[in-house]
Protein backbone atom coordinates (compact mmCIF):
# COMPACT_ATOMS: atom_id res chain seq x y z
CA UNK A 1 30.50 -11.14 -4.69
CA UNK A 2 32.71 -8.36 -6.09
CA UNK A 3 29.74 -6.95 -8.02
CA UNK A 4 27.66 -6.64 -4.85
CA UNK A 5 30.54 -5.05 -2.95
CA UNK A 6 30.97 -2.58 -5.80
CA UNK A 7 27.21 -1.86 -5.86
CA UNK A 8 27.12 -1.33 -2.10
CA UNK A 9 30.12 0.99 -2.25
CA UNK A 10 28.62 2.95 -5.15
CA UNK A 11 25.23 3.35 -3.44
CA UNK A 12 26.93 4.58 -0.27
CA UNK A 13 28.88 7.09 -2.35
CA UNK A 14 25.68 8.24 -4.12
CA UNK A 15 23.86 8.59 -0.82
CA UNK A 16 26.67 10.79 0.52
CA UNK A 17 26.57 13.00 -2.58
CA UNK A 18 22.80 13.31 -2.38
CA UNK A 19 22.85 14.19 1.30
CA UNK A 20 25.20 17.08 0.51
CA UNK A 21 22.77 18.44 -2.11
CA UNK A 22 19.49 17.57 -0.36
CA UNK A 23 18.65 21.08 0.79
CA UNK A 24 18.52 22.43 -2.74
CA UNK A 25 16.07 19.70 -3.79
CA UNK A 26 13.28 20.60 -1.39
CA UNK A 27 10.39 20.94 -3.81
CA UNK A 28 7.08 19.19 -4.36
CA UNK A 29 8.19 18.05 -7.83
CA UNK A 30 11.31 16.39 -6.42
CA UNK A 31 9.35 14.71 -3.61
CA UNK A 32 6.73 13.42 -6.05
CA UNK A 33 9.32 12.18 -8.55
CA UNK A 34 11.27 10.46 -5.76
CA UNK A 35 8.17 8.63 -4.56
CA UNK A 36 7.22 7.71 -8.13
CA UNK A 37 10.73 6.25 -8.54
CA UNK A 38 10.45 4.32 -5.26
CA UNK A 39 7.06 2.93 -6.29
CA UNK A 40 8.47 1.83 -9.65
CA UNK A 41 11.26 -0.01 -7.84
CA UNK A 42 8.84 -1.64 -5.39
CA UNK A 43 6.64 -2.85 -8.26
CA UNK A 44 9.42 -3.39 -10.81
CA UNK A 45 8.41 -6.99 -11.48
CA UNK A 46 4.84 -5.91 -12.32
CA UNK A 47 3.40 -6.94 -8.95
CA UNK A 48 2.91 -5.05 -5.73
CA UNK A 49 4.01 -7.42 -3.00
CA UNK A 50 3.03 -6.31 0.53
CA UNK A 51 6.48 -7.14 1.91
CA UNK A 52 8.16 -5.15 -0.88
CA UNK A 53 5.83 -2.24 -0.10
CA UNK A 54 6.73 -2.23 3.58
CA UNK A 55 10.48 -2.70 2.95
CA UNK A 56 10.56 0.17 0.47
CA UNK A 57 8.49 2.39 2.78
CA UNK A 58 10.97 1.70 5.60
CA UNK A 59 13.88 2.58 3.33
CA UNK A 60 12.17 5.83 2.31
CA UNK A 61 11.69 6.97 5.89
CA UNK A 62 15.26 6.09 6.82
CA UNK A 63 16.88 7.72 3.76
CA UNK A 64 19.01 10.73 4.73
CA UNK A 65 18.22 12.61 1.54
CA UNK A 66 14.48 12.30 1.92
CA UNK A 67 14.46 13.36 5.58
CA UNK A 68 13.97 16.97 4.41
CA UNK A 69 10.32 16.04 3.70
CA UNK A 70 7.64 15.09 6.25
CA UNK A 71 7.54 11.26 6.38
CA UNK A 72 3.74 11.16 6.31
CA UNK A 73 3.66 13.13 3.05
CA UNK A 74 6.24 10.84 1.48
CA UNK A 75 4.33 7.76 2.62
CA UNK A 76 1.04 9.08 1.26
CA UNK A 77 2.59 9.89 -2.13
CA UNK A 78 4.45 6.54 -2.27
CA UNK A 79 1.23 4.68 -1.46
CA UNK A 80 -0.64 6.71 -4.11
CA UNK A 81 1.81 5.73 -6.87
CA UNK A 82 2.01 2.14 -5.68
CA UNK A 83 -1.78 1.84 -5.62
CA UNK A 84 -1.88 3.12 -9.21
CA UNK A 85 0.68 0.48 -10.19
CA UNK A 86 -1.30 -2.23 -8.38
CA UNK A 87 -4.57 -1.28 -10.08
CA UNK A 88 -3.17 -1.15 -13.60
CA UNK A 89 0.57 -1.63 -13.81
CA UNK A 90 1.02 -0.25 -17.33
CA UNK A 91 -1.04 2.88 -16.72
CA UNK A 92 0.51 3.37 -13.27
CA UNK A 93 3.97 3.11 -14.83
CA UNK A 94 3.07 5.78 -17.39
CA UNK A 95 1.93 8.09 -14.57
CA UNK A 96 5.05 7.47 -12.49
CA UNK A 97 7.39 7.99 -15.45
CA UNK A 98 5.51 11.17 -16.42
CA UNK A 99 6.03 12.52 -12.90
CA UNK A 100 9.75 11.77 -13.07
CA UNK A 101 9.94 13.34 -16.54
CA UNK A 102 8.84 16.67 -15.07
CA UNK A 103 12.41 16.98 -13.77
CA UNK A 104 13.94 16.83 -17.25
CA UNK A 105 14.77 20.55 -17.13
CA UNK A 106 16.27 20.15 -13.65
CA UNK A 107 19.09 17.72 -14.36
CA UNK A 108 20.58 17.80 -10.82
CA UNK A 109 17.23 16.81 -9.35
CA UNK A 110 16.64 14.24 -12.11
CA UNK A 111 20.02 12.62 -11.36
CA UNK A 112 19.19 12.59 -7.67
CA UNK A 113 15.90 10.76 -8.35
CA UNK A 114 17.78 8.21 -10.48
CA UNK A 115 20.30 7.76 -7.66
CA UNK A 116 17.48 7.27 -5.16
CA UNK A 117 16.09 4.54 -7.41
CA UNK A 118 19.47 2.83 -7.50
CA UNK A 119 19.91 3.16 -3.73
CA UNK A 120 16.42 1.76 -3.02
CA UNK A 121 16.81 -0.99 -5.63
CA UNK A 122 20.19 -2.09 -4.31
CA UNK A 123 19.42 -1.74 -0.62
CA UNK A 124 18.59 -5.42 -0.23
CA UNK A 125 21.78 -6.46 -2.03
CA UNK A 126 19.87 -7.60 -5.12
CA UNK A 127 19.49 -4.85 -7.74
CA UNK A 128 17.69 -7.18 -10.12
CA UNK A 129 17.01 -6.86 -13.85
CA UNK A 130 13.45 -5.54 -13.32
CA UNK A 131 14.69 -2.81 -10.96
CA UNK A 132 17.48 -1.88 -13.37
CA UNK A 133 14.93 -1.66 -16.19
CA UNK A 134 12.74 0.67 -14.10
CA UNK A 135 15.72 2.94 -13.44
CA UNK A 136 16.67 2.87 -17.13
CA UNK A 137 13.13 3.91 -18.07
CA UNK A 138 13.39 6.82 -15.66
CA UNK A 139 16.78 7.78 -17.16
CA UNK A 140 15.26 7.90 -20.63
CA UNK A 141 12.33 10.00 -19.34
CA UNK A 142 14.68 12.71 -18.08
CA UNK A 143 17.14 12.52 -20.95
CA UNK A 144 20.05 10.99 -19.03
CA UNK A 145 22.03 8.13 -20.54
CA UNK A 146 21.67 4.99 -18.38
CA UNK A 147 25.39 4.34 -18.99
CA UNK A 148 26.13 7.33 -16.73
CA UNK A 149 25.00 5.06 -13.89
CA UNK A 150 26.55 1.86 -15.29
CA UNK A 151 23.13 0.55 -16.33
């Protein structure tokens, strides 16, 4: 139980940090990378489960950091990436990771996207191995050591 308490505390801390910086992240690249990250988390096990899709979509629209973007735009972009993952998981994953990688030169935004992935992945209290692997892949794409996030 201590691990989950620690994870919950850490995600709350990350969310607070992100909320403070949110205004400086208002760009199309950041929004796209965030939705690509969320789609990777929702489909982390290689399947796109309808309940996982709706839970993740609800978390996106209730996330304080992402409220700087119109919810309909976020939903459309999230659905686009998730549909790509559903059609062909491997190719969809390449597309999502490539979108996240566009933030490599913007390390603050890249870290924020990684934090969003961790927050979304841990929101249900079960940040499983598949979700951790998806976040690690995103870390590698932007040149950030997964260990920075205890992954």
